[in-house]
Amino acid sequence: MQPVSVDQLTSHPVETLYHDHHTWLRGWLQRRLNNSSDASDLAQDTFVNVITTGYAGDIREPRPFLATVARRLLAHRHRRHVLETAYLEALAAMPDAHIPPPEQRLMAIEALQEIDRALDGLPRAVKEAFLLAQLEGLTYDQIATRLRVSASSVKQYLTRADRQALEAVRARLRGLHGAAAYRALSPVATDRRKTMALLLGIGMAGAAGALAFRSEPCQRLAADMHTGVGERRAWTLSDGTRLMLNTASAVNIEFDGRRRLLKLVAGEIMIVTGHAEAGIERPFLVQTADGRVQALGTAFTVRQLAGQTEVSVQKGAVQATPADAPRDARMLRAGERTIFSATRIAAPTPASADSTAWTRGAIVADNMRLADFLAELGRHRHGVLRCDPAVADLRFSGVFPLTDTGAILSMLPNSLPVRVRSRTAYWVTVGKK
């Protein structure tokens, strides 16, 4: 965005426009975005945009005009967000060794935004053909099969793309991870045009969800501390608390003078709390999607499930509080566990001594259903791990080190009447022998 001079800001048409309509625009946006901070930012950007275009003195109906500009800016913001989300989701689905460091991810996202602008305006089929050729390395015939058109049509599409002077785009594409860049830029892979049409078609009513949405893979990559699939890591925090993250887990940390807060973004953590400074009351809290857990001098685990949170206490005690039912808070003592949602909390039950085996790099099965075992094992490996319903209720016991999940699968037929079938290394089904 161009810089705005003092003269521009204080010119009479601009001053009048801002004075008469800024409060209205901010309120209008806040009612639709349901977020005062986003509303203020977007209102400010709208006026800066109007100022830099020089149209302030020519506006006959200011409020409809400002609303139109705000919608357009929101659409651009949403487009950047969708592109970034698609790219980070694609990276998160890859083995950790292939995920670039944060600074390279930022540069890649900036490059993708530049490329997206350069490709904008191309017909859907032309853009798709160009991306398949450049990022997936497909031949004319392969692209034709993918798009369900003739090879001669593909040739015409790529010729048209060449006429749009896309050599600079090719150079930028060569520096990106092909699969992730394709998912971000392709209109087929992300269906972004449909999303944009929906956003603009409903005006601003659905914008809050679009701006606030963050997928779990993106949140994990952006978190203060995170682990990849199959990875476990431990940290010592500034207050001496020992924190360990299980596979595919993420935590944000907010320590200040009033509290010590961990926000569990995804996965599972184990905490052995440190001591607050003498004379300073700073409660230790873990926030999940369903509520909060307050430590009372303790060692405990917290796991984020789908729509629920599981808490187990190894030492000391904790208080678990559902977000929408604070009066139902429950105290858990050593050896107890519970599961709670935002609206209710279950009565405490005995915690399994094996629930923390992951902190020692293992899974312990004690007369465990095969389906439950494979669901747990699947958290520690990339790809799809399916259990045929015909063998789901088979039970077995054992201690299984997580250093080689493939070896665990290979030994299952030695203990159970099952067969392990692999379409690829990342698609495995355990079924009847």
Protein backbone atom coordinates (compact mmCIF):
# COMPACT_ATOMS: atom_id res chain seq x y z
CA MET A 1 0.00 0.00 0.00
CA GLN A 2 1.31 3.49 -0.86
CA PRO A 3 2.35 5.84 1.97
CA VAL A 4 -0.14 8.58 2.87
CA SER A 5 1.15 12.13 3.34
CA VAL A 6 0.02 14.55 6.05
CA ASP A 7 -1.42 16.82 3.34
CA GLN A 8 -3.56 13.99 2.03
CA LEU A 9 -4.89 13.17 5.47
CA THR A 10 -5.79 16.75 6.30
CA SER A 11 -7.23 17.78 2.95
CA HIS A 12 -10.80 18.98 3.29
CA PRO A 13 -12.64 16.19 1.36
CA VAL A 14 -10.68 13.48 3.18
CA GLU A 15 -11.12 15.06 6.59
CA THR A 16 -14.86 15.43 6.03
CA LEU A 17 -15.20 11.88 4.71
CA TYR A 18 -13.31 10.43 7.67
CA HIS A 19 -15.09 12.56 10.27
CA ASP A 20 -18.57 11.82 8.92
CA HIS A 21 -18.28 8.11 8.14
CA HIS A 22 -15.39 6.41 9.97
CA THR A 23 -17.39 5.56 13.09
CA TRP A 24 -20.27 4.28 10.96
CA LEU A 25 -17.98 2.08 8.82
CA ARG A 26 -16.19 0.60 11.83
CA GLY A 27 -19.54 -0.23 13.47
CA TRP A 28 -20.91 -1.67 10.25
CA LEU A 29 -17.89 -3.93 9.90
CA GLN A 30 -17.90 -4.94 13.56
CA ARG A 31 -21.50 -6.12 13.35
CA ARG A 32 -20.60 -8.33 10.42
CA LEU A 33 -17.14 -9.50 11.48
CA ASN A 34 -18.01 -9.87 15.16
CA ASN A 35 -14.44 -8.77 15.92
CA SER A 36 -13.63 -5.20 16.92
CA SER A 37 -9.92 -5.48 16.11
CA ASP A 38 -10.48 -6.80 12.58
CA ALA A 39 -13.20 -4.19 12.05
CA SER A 40 -10.90 -1.32 13.08
CA ASP A 41 -8.07 -2.58 10.86
CA LEU A 42 -10.32 -3.03 7.85
CA ALA A 43 -11.98 0.37 8.33
CA GLN A 44 -8.55 2.03 8.49
CA ASP A 45 -7.37 0.17 5.36
CA THR A 46 -10.54 1.25 3.55
CA PHE A 47 -9.93 4.95 4.17
CA VAL A 48 -6.24 4.66 3.28
CA ASN A 49 -7.24 3.00 0.02
CA VAL A 50 -9.70 5.79 -0.78
CA ILE A 51 -7.12 8.45 0.07
CA THR A 52 -4.37 6.96 -2.11
CA THR A 53 -6.68 6.66 -5.14
CA GLY A 54 -7.53 10.37 -4.95
CA TYR A 55 -11.29 9.82 -5.26
CA ALA A 56 -12.31 11.27 -1.91
CA GLY A 57 -13.67 14.51 -3.41
CA ASP A 58 -15.70 12.77 -6.11
CA ILE A 59 -17.79 10.41 -3.98
CA ARG A 60 -21.52 11.13 -4.28
CA GLU A 61 -22.80 8.37 -1.93
CA PRO A 62 -20.04 7.82 0.64
CA ARG A 63 -21.45 4.93 2.67
CA PRO A 64 -22.30 2.56 -0.23
CA PHE A 65 -18.94 3.45 -1.77
CA LEU A 66 -17.01 2.76 1.45
CA ALA A 67 -18.88 -0.52 1.94
CA THR A 68 -17.93 -1.60 -1.59
CA VAL A 69 -14.25 -0.79 -1.01
CA ALA A 70 -14.31 -2.63 2.33
CA ARG A 71 -15.83 -5.73 0.68
CA ARG A 72 -13.13 -5.70 -1.98
CA LEU A 73 -10.34 -5.40 0.60
CA LEU A 74 -11.89 -8.20 2.61
CA ALA A 75 -12.01 -10.37 -0.51
CA HIS A 76 -8.30 -9.74 -1.12
CA ARG A 77 -7.51 -10.55 2.51
CA HIS A 78 -9.54 -13.73 2.33
CA ARG A 79 -7.84 -14.74 -0.90
CA ARG A 80 -4.40 -14.38 0.72
CA HIS A 81 -5.62 -16.35 3.74
CA VAL A 82 -6.99 -19.23 1.67
CA LEU A 83 -3.78 -19.46 -0.36
CA GLU A 84 -1.62 -19.47 2.79
CA THR A 85 -3.88 -22.04 4.46
CA ALA A 86 -3.79 -24.42 1.49
CA TYR A 87 0.01 -24.20 1.31
CA LEU A 88 0.55 -24.83 5.04
CA GLU A 89 -1.97 -27.69 5.08
CA ALA A 90 -0.12 -29.34 2.20
CA LEU A 91 3.19 -28.99 4.05
CA ALA A 92 1.71 -30.34 7.27
CA ALA A 93 0.66 -33.53 5.48
CA MET A 94 4.23 -34.22 4.37
CA PRO A 95 7.00 -36.00 6.27
CA ASP A 96 8.74 -33.60 8.65
CA ALA A 97 12.03 -33.85 6.77
CA HIS A 98 10.40 -32.15 3.76
CA ILE A 99 8.90 -29.19 5.65
CA PRO A 100 11.01 -26.05 5.10
CA PRO A 101 12.04 -23.83 8.04
CA PRO A 102 9.83 -20.84 9.00
CA GLU A 103 11.77 -18.21 7.04
CA GLN A 104 11.57 -20.27 3.84
CA ARG A 105 7.85 -20.84 4.39
CA LEU A 106 7.31 -17.09 4.68
CA MET A 107 9.26 -16.44 1.46
CA ALA A 108 7.30 -19.18 -0.31
CA ILE A 109 3.96 -17.69 0.77
CA GLU A 110 5.02 -14.27 -0.52
CA ALA A 111 6.07 -15.85 -3.82
CA LEU A 112 2.75 -17.71 -4.07
CA GLN A 113 0.83 -14.45 -3.60
CA GLU A 114 2.86 -12.83 -6.39
CA ILE A 115 2.29 -15.82 -8.67
CA ASP A 116 -1.42 -15.90 -7.87
CA ARG A 117 -1.75 -12.26 -8.93
CA ALA A 118 0.13 -12.96 -12.17
CA LEU A 119 -2.10 -15.93 -13.01
CA ASP A 120 -5.32 -14.12 -12.12
CA GLY A 121 -7.52 -13.61 -15.15
CA LEU A 122 -6.51 -16.81 -16.92
CA PRO A 123 -9.45 -19.13 -17.65
CA ARG A 124 -9.74 -21.97 -15.14
CA ALA A 125 -8.64 -24.70 -17.58
CA VAL A 126 -5.66 -22.67 -18.86
CA LYS A 127 -4.43 -21.96 -15.35
CA GLU A 128 -4.86 -25.60 -14.30
CA ALA A 129 -3.00 -26.89 -17.36
CA PHE A 130 -0.14 -24.46 -16.75
CA LEU A 131 0.21 -25.47 -13.09
CA LEU A 132 0.05 -29.19 -13.87
CA ALA A 133 2.82 -28.77 -16.43
CA GLN A 134 5.04 -26.57 -14.29
CA LEU A 135 4.50 -28.04 -10.81
CA GLU A 136 3.52 -31.65 -11.43
CA GLY A 137 5.65 -32.12 -14.55
CA LEU A 138 2.82 -33.79 -16.47
CA THR A 139 2.88 -34.38 -20.23
CA TYR A 140 0.20 -33.12 -22.65
CA ASP A 141 -1.52 -36.51 -22.60
CA GLN A 142 -1.45 -36.74 -18.78
CA ILE A 143 -2.87 -33.22 -18.44
CA ALA A 144 -5.55 -34.04 -21.02
CA THR A 145 -6.57 -37.10 -19.00
CA ARG A 146 -6.67 -35.09 -15.77
CA LEU A 147 -8.76 -32.28 -17.30
CA ARG A 148 -10.83 -34.61 -19.52
CA VAL A 149 -9.98 -32.69 -22.68
CA SER A 150 -7.96 -33.48 -25.81
CA ALA A 151 -4.19 -33.18 -26.00
CA SER A 152 -4.59 -30.50 -28.70
CA SER A 153 -6.71 -28.45 -26.26
CA VAL A 154 -3.95 -28.73 -23.67
CA LYS A 155 -1.46 -27.43 -26.24
CA GLN A 156 -3.73 -24.46 -26.92
CA TYR A 157 -4.06 -23.78 -23.18
CA LEU A 158 -0.29 -23.74 -22.66
CA THR A 159 0.24 -21.57 -25.74
CA ARG A 160 -2.24 -19.06 -24.33
CA ALA A 161 -0.46 -19.13 -20.98
CA ASP A 162 2.84 -18.43 -22.77
CA ARG A 163 1.29 -15.37 -24.45
CA GLN A 164 0.61 -13.91 -21.02
CA ALA A 165 4.36 -13.52 -20.47
CA LEU A 166 4.61 -16.05 -17.67
CA GLU A 167 8.37 -16.66 -17.82
CA ALA A 168 8.82 -14.74 -14.56
CA VAL A 169 6.16 -16.93 -12.98
CA ARG A 170 8.01 -20.06 -14.09
CA ALA A 171 11.17 -18.80 -12.42
CA ARG A 172 9.30 -18.22 -9.14
CA LEU A 173 7.64 -21.63 -9.33
CA ARG A 174 10.97 -23.42 -9.68
CA GLY A 175 11.90 -22.33 -6.16
CA LEU A 176 8.80 -23.85 -4.52
CA HIS A 177 7.78 -27.31 -3.37
CA GLY A 178 5.71 -28.52 -6.32
CA ALA A 179 2.93 -30.38 -4.53
CA ALA A 180 2.34 -27.73 -1.88
CA ALA A 181 2.45 -24.88 -4.42
CA TYR A 182 0.02 -26.73 -6.69
CA ARG A 183 -2.48 -27.24 -3.87
CA ALA A 184 -2.30 -23.54 -2.98
CA LEU A 185 -2.61 -22.14 -6.49
CA SER A 186 -4.83 -24.61 -8.32
CA PRO A 187 -8.50 -23.63 -8.67
CA VAL A 188 -9.31 -27.35 -8.79
CA ALA A 189 -7.32 -28.32 -5.69
CA THR A 190 -8.72 -25.59 -3.43
CA ASP A 191 -11.95 -24.54 -5.18
CA ARG A 192 -11.15 -21.01 -4.10
CA ARG A 193 -13.36 -19.39 -6.72
CA LYS A 194 -16.43 -21.06 -5.23
CA THR A 195 -15.44 -19.88 -1.75
CA MET A 196 -14.89 -16.33 -3.00
CA ALA A 197 -18.25 -16.29 -4.78
CA LEU A 198 -19.95 -17.42 -1.59
CA LEU A 199 -18.17 -14.79 0.48
CA LEU A 200 -19.03 -11.94 -1.86
CA GLY A 201 -22.52 -13.23 -2.58
CA ILE A 202 -23.57 -13.10 1.08
CA GLY A 203 -22.02 -9.68 1.58
CA MET A 204 -20.16 -9.58 4.87
CA ALA A 205 -22.28 -11.92 6.98
CA GLY A 206 -19.96 -14.92 6.67
CA ALA A 207 -16.71 -13.02 6.81
CA ALA A 208 -16.04 -13.58 10.50
CA GLY A 209 -15.74 -17.31 10.00
CA ALA A 210 -13.50 -16.85 6.97
CA LEU A 211 -11.13 -14.55 8.83
CA ALA A 212 -11.12 -16.51 12.07
CA PHE A 213 -10.75 -19.96 10.51
CA ARG A 214 -7.45 -21.66 11.08
CA SER A 215 -7.07 -25.34 10.29
CA GLU A 216 -5.31 -27.54 12.82
CA PRO A 217 -2.26 -28.20 10.58
CA CYS A 218 -1.74 -24.47 10.12
CA GLN A 219 -2.14 -23.80 13.83
CA ARG A 220 0.34 -26.54 14.64
CA LEU A 221 2.99 -25.13 12.31
CA ALA A 222 2.51 -21.62 13.73
CA ALA A 223 2.48 -22.64 17.42
CA ASP A 224 5.23 -21.69 19.88
CA MET A 225 6.12 -25.37 20.37
CA HIS A 226 5.06 -28.21 18.12
CA THR A 227 5.98 -31.74 17.10
CA GLY A 228 5.58 -33.58 13.83
CA VAL A 229 3.96 -36.94 13.28
CA GLY A 230 5.95 -39.59 15.15
CA GLU A 231 7.98 -37.01 17.07
CA ARG A 232 8.11 -36.42 20.83
CA ARG A 233 9.96 -33.52 22.41
CA ALA A 234 10.52 -32.08 25.88
CA TRP A 235 11.17 -28.52 27.08
CA THR A 236 11.85 -26.82 30.40
CA LEU A 237 9.88 -23.57 30.68
CA SER A 238 11.01 -20.35 32.34
CA ASP A 239 9.39 -21.27 35.69
CA GLY A 240 10.99 -24.71 35.77
CA THR A 241 7.91 -26.54 34.46
CA ARG A 242 8.78 -29.61 32.40
CA LEU A 243 6.64 -29.91 29.28
CA MET A 244 6.58 -32.86 26.89
CA LEU A 245 4.66 -33.00 23.60
CA ASN A 246 3.42 -36.22 22.07
CA THR A 247 3.17 -36.85 18.32
CA ALA A 248 1.56 -34.14 16.15
CA SER A 249 1.00 -31.80 19.09
CA ALA A 250 1.25 -28.05 19.51
CA VAL A 251 1.16 -25.52 22.36
CA ASN A 252 1.19 -21.75 22.64
CA ILE A 253 2.66 -20.24 25.81
CA GLU A 254 1.40 -17.11 27.56
CA PHE A 255 3.26 -16.40 30.80
CA ASP A 256 2.83 -13.00 32.44
CA GLY A 257 2.72 -11.48 35.92
CA ARG A 258 -0.79 -12.82 36.62
CA ARG A 259 -0.81 -16.37 35.28
CA ARG A 260 1.06 -19.14 33.52
CA LEU A 261 -1.10 -20.26 30.60
CA LEU A 262 -0.56 -23.02 28.04
CA LYS A 263 -2.96 -23.17 25.10
CA LEU A 264 -3.18 -26.70 23.73
CA VAL A 265 -3.68 -26.32 19.99
CA ALA A 266 -3.60 -30.01 19.11
CA GLY A 267 -2.46 -33.38 20.36
CA GLU A 268 -1.31 -34.36 23.85
CA ILE A 269 1.04 -32.96 26.47
CA MET A 270 2.50 -34.02 29.80
CA ILE A 271 3.25 -31.37 32.41
CA VAL A 272 5.27 -31.47 35.60
CA THR A 273 4.68 -28.02 37.03
CA GLY A 274 7.45 -25.81 38.37
CA HIS A 275 7.07 -23.49 41.33
CA ALA A 276 5.96 -19.88 41.00
CA GLU A 277 8.21 -17.25 42.55
CA ALA A 278 7.90 -16.89 46.30
CA GLY A 279 5.15 -14.46 47.28
CA ILE A 280 3.75 -14.26 43.73
CA GLU A 281 0.43 -15.95 42.98
CA ARG A 282 0.50 -17.14 39.37
CA PRO A 283 -1.89 -20.04 38.70
CA PHE A 284 -0.81 -22.61 36.12
CA LEU A 285 -3.55 -23.19 33.52
CA VAL A 286 -3.98 -25.31 30.41
CA GLN A 287 -6.61 -24.09 27.98
CA THR A 288 -8.15 -26.42 25.41
CA ALA A 289 -10.98 -26.08 22.92
CA ASP A 290 -13.37 -27.34 25.63
CA GLY A 291 -12.33 -25.52 28.80
CA ARG A 292 -9.48 -25.18 31.28
CA VAL A 293 -7.39 -27.32 33.58
CA GLN A 294 -5.74 -25.70 36.61
CA ALA A 295 -2.75 -27.43 38.15
CA LEU A 296 -2.45 -27.68 41.91
CA GLY A 297 1.20 -28.69 42.27
CA THR A 298 1.12 -31.69 40.01
CA ALA A 299 2.10 -33.96 37.14
CA PHE A 300 -0.65 -34.57 34.59
CA THR A 301 -1.47 -35.15 30.92
CA VAL A 302 -3.98 -33.34 28.72
CA ARG A 303 -5.14 -34.59 25.34
CA GLN A 304 -7.30 -32.73 22.84
CA LEU A 305 -9.83 -35.09 21.28
CA ALA A 306 -12.53 -34.32 18.73
CA GLY A 307 -14.97 -32.17 20.71
CA GLN A 308 -13.59 -33.35 24.05
CA THR A 309 -10.59 -33.05 26.34
CA GLU A 310 -9.06 -35.94 28.31
CA VAL A 311 -7.16 -35.27 31.55
CA SER A 312 -5.19 -37.79 33.63
CA VAL A 313 -3.38 -36.97 36.87
CA GLN A 314 -0.17 -38.74 37.88
CA LYS A 315 0.75 -36.66 40.94
CA GLY A 316 -0.99 -33.97 42.99
CA ALA A 317 -4.33 -32.68 41.74
CA VAL A 318 -5.99 -30.55 39.05
CA GLN A 319 -9.30 -28.82 38.60
CA ALA A 320 -11.01 -29.31 35.23
CA THR A 321 -13.63 -26.73 34.18
CA PRO A 322 -15.85 -26.95 31.07
CA ALA A 323 -15.93 -23.66 29.16
CA ASP A 324 -19.73 -23.30 29.17
CA ALA A 325 -20.44 -24.99 32.51
CA PRO A 326 -18.03 -23.48 35.05
CA ARG A 327 -20.19 -24.57 37.99
CA ASP A 328 -19.59 -28.21 37.04
CA ALA A 329 -15.82 -28.01 37.64
CA ARG A 330 -14.35 -31.19 39.11
CA MET A 331 -11.27 -31.89 41.20
CA LEU A 332 -9.08 -34.77 40.01
CA ARG A 333 -6.48 -36.38 42.26
CA ALA A 334 -3.52 -38.64 41.51
CA GLY A 335 -4.61 -41.79 39.71
CA GLU A 336 -7.81 -40.27 38.30
CA ARG A 337 -8.88 -39.23 34.82
CA THR A 338 -11.88 -37.60 33.18
CA ILE A 339 -13.19 -36.44 29.83
CA PHE A 340 -15.03 -33.17 29.42
CA SER A 341 -16.64 -31.16 26.65
CA ALA A 342 -17.52 -27.48 26.67
CA THR A 343 -20.87 -28.23 28.33
CA ARG A 344 -20.37 -31.25 30.60
CA ILE A 345 -17.74 -33.23 32.51
CA ALA A 346 -17.72 -36.93 33.32
CA ALA A 347 -17.22 -38.32 36.81
CA PRO A 348 -13.58 -39.25 37.55
CA THR A 349 -12.50 -42.83 36.81
CA PRO A 350 -9.22 -44.66 37.54
CA ALA A 351 -6.43 -43.62 35.21
CA SER A 352 -4.48 -46.32 33.40
CA ALA A 353 -0.86 -46.60 34.44
CA ASP A 354 -0.06 -47.17 30.75
CA SER A 355 -1.53 -43.86 29.56
CA THR A 356 1.87 -42.16 29.84
CA ALA A 357 3.81 -44.90 28.03
CA TRP A 358 4.23 -42.49 25.10
CA THR A 359 6.54 -40.37 27.26
CA ARG A 360 8.87 -43.37 27.28
CA GLY A 361 8.48 -43.91 23.53
CA ALA A 362 6.11 -46.86 23.64
CA ILE A 363 2.51 -48.07 23.40
CA VAL A 364 1.35 -50.54 26.04
CA ALA A 365 -1.52 -52.82 25.04
CA ASP A 366 -3.24 -54.59 27.94
CA ASN A 367 -5.97 -56.77 26.45
CA MET A 368 -6.55 -53.92 23.99
CA ARG A 369 -8.90 -54.09 20.99
CA LEU A 370 -7.00 -54.19 17.73
CA ALA A 371 -9.01 -51.26 16.35
CA ASP A 372 -8.08 -49.12 19.37
CA PHE A 373 -4.44 -50.15 19.12
CA LEU A 374 -4.23 -49.25 15.43
CA ALA A 375 -5.95 -45.91 16.05
CA GLU A 376 -3.29 -45.11 18.64
CA LEU A 377 -0.45 -46.39 16.43
CA GLY A 378 -1.79 -44.36 13.53
CA ARG A 379 -1.14 -41.14 15.44
CA HIS A 380 2.59 -41.92 15.28
CA ARG A 381 2.96 -42.58 11.54
CA HIS A 382 2.22 -40.76 8.29
CA GLY A 383 -0.56 -41.85 6.00
CA VAL A 384 -3.68 -43.97 6.43
CA LEU A 385 -3.82 -46.97 8.77
CA ARG A 386 -7.15 -48.82 8.49
CA CYS A 387 -8.59 -51.67 10.53
CA ASP A 388 -11.04 -54.06 8.85
CA PRO A 389 -14.21 -54.28 11.01
CA ALA A 390 -13.92 -58.08 10.79
CA VAL A 391 -10.84 -58.04 13.04
CA ALA A 392 -11.54 -54.85 15.02
CA ASP A 393 -12.52 -56.67 18.23
CA LEU A 394 -9.51 -58.99 18.42
CA ARG A 395 -7.59 -58.40 21.64
CA PHE A 396 -3.94 -58.75 22.56
CA SER A 397 -1.27 -57.45 24.94
CA GLY A 398 2.31 -56.25 24.67
CA VAL A 399 4.76 -53.38 24.88
CA PHE A 400 5.62 -51.81 21.52
CA PRO A 401 8.48 -49.30 21.04
CA LEU A 402 7.50 -46.49 18.70
CA THR A 403 10.89 -46.19 17.04
CA ASP A 404 9.69 -48.32 14.09
CA THR A 405 5.93 -48.44 13.51
CA GLY A 406 6.45 -50.53 10.38
CA ALA A 407 8.07 -53.26 12.45
CA ILE A 408 5.08 -53.24 14.82
CA LEU A 409 2.72 -53.81 11.89
CA SER A 410 4.94 -56.57 10.51
CA MET A 411 4.78 -58.56 13.75
CA LEU A 412 0.98 -58.41 14.14
CA PRO A 413 0.37 -61.57 12.03
CA ASN A 414 2.63 -63.45 14.48
CA SER A 415 0.24 -62.70 17.34
CA LEU A 416 -3.16 -62.44 15.66
CA PRO A 417 -5.00 -64.06 12.72
CA VAL A 418 -4.58 -60.97 10.57
CA ARG A 419 -2.93 -59.90 7.35
CA VAL A 420 -1.28 -56.54 6.74
CA ARG A 421 -1.88 -55.20 3.24
CA SER A 422 0.02 -52.16 1.93
CA ARG A 423 -1.09 -50.27 -1.15
CA THR A 424 1.81 -47.91 -0.51
CA ALA A 425 3.97 -47.15 2.53
CA TYR A 426 1.33 -44.55 3.45
CA TRP A 427 -1.84 -46.67 2.96
CA VAL A 428 -1.99 -49.78 5.11
CA THR A 429 -4.97 -52.02 5.99
CA VAL A 430 -5.02 -54.71 8.65
CA GLY A 431 -7.64 -57.36 7.80
CA LYS A 432 -8.49 -61.04 8.04
CA LYS A 433 -5.80 -63.52 7.18
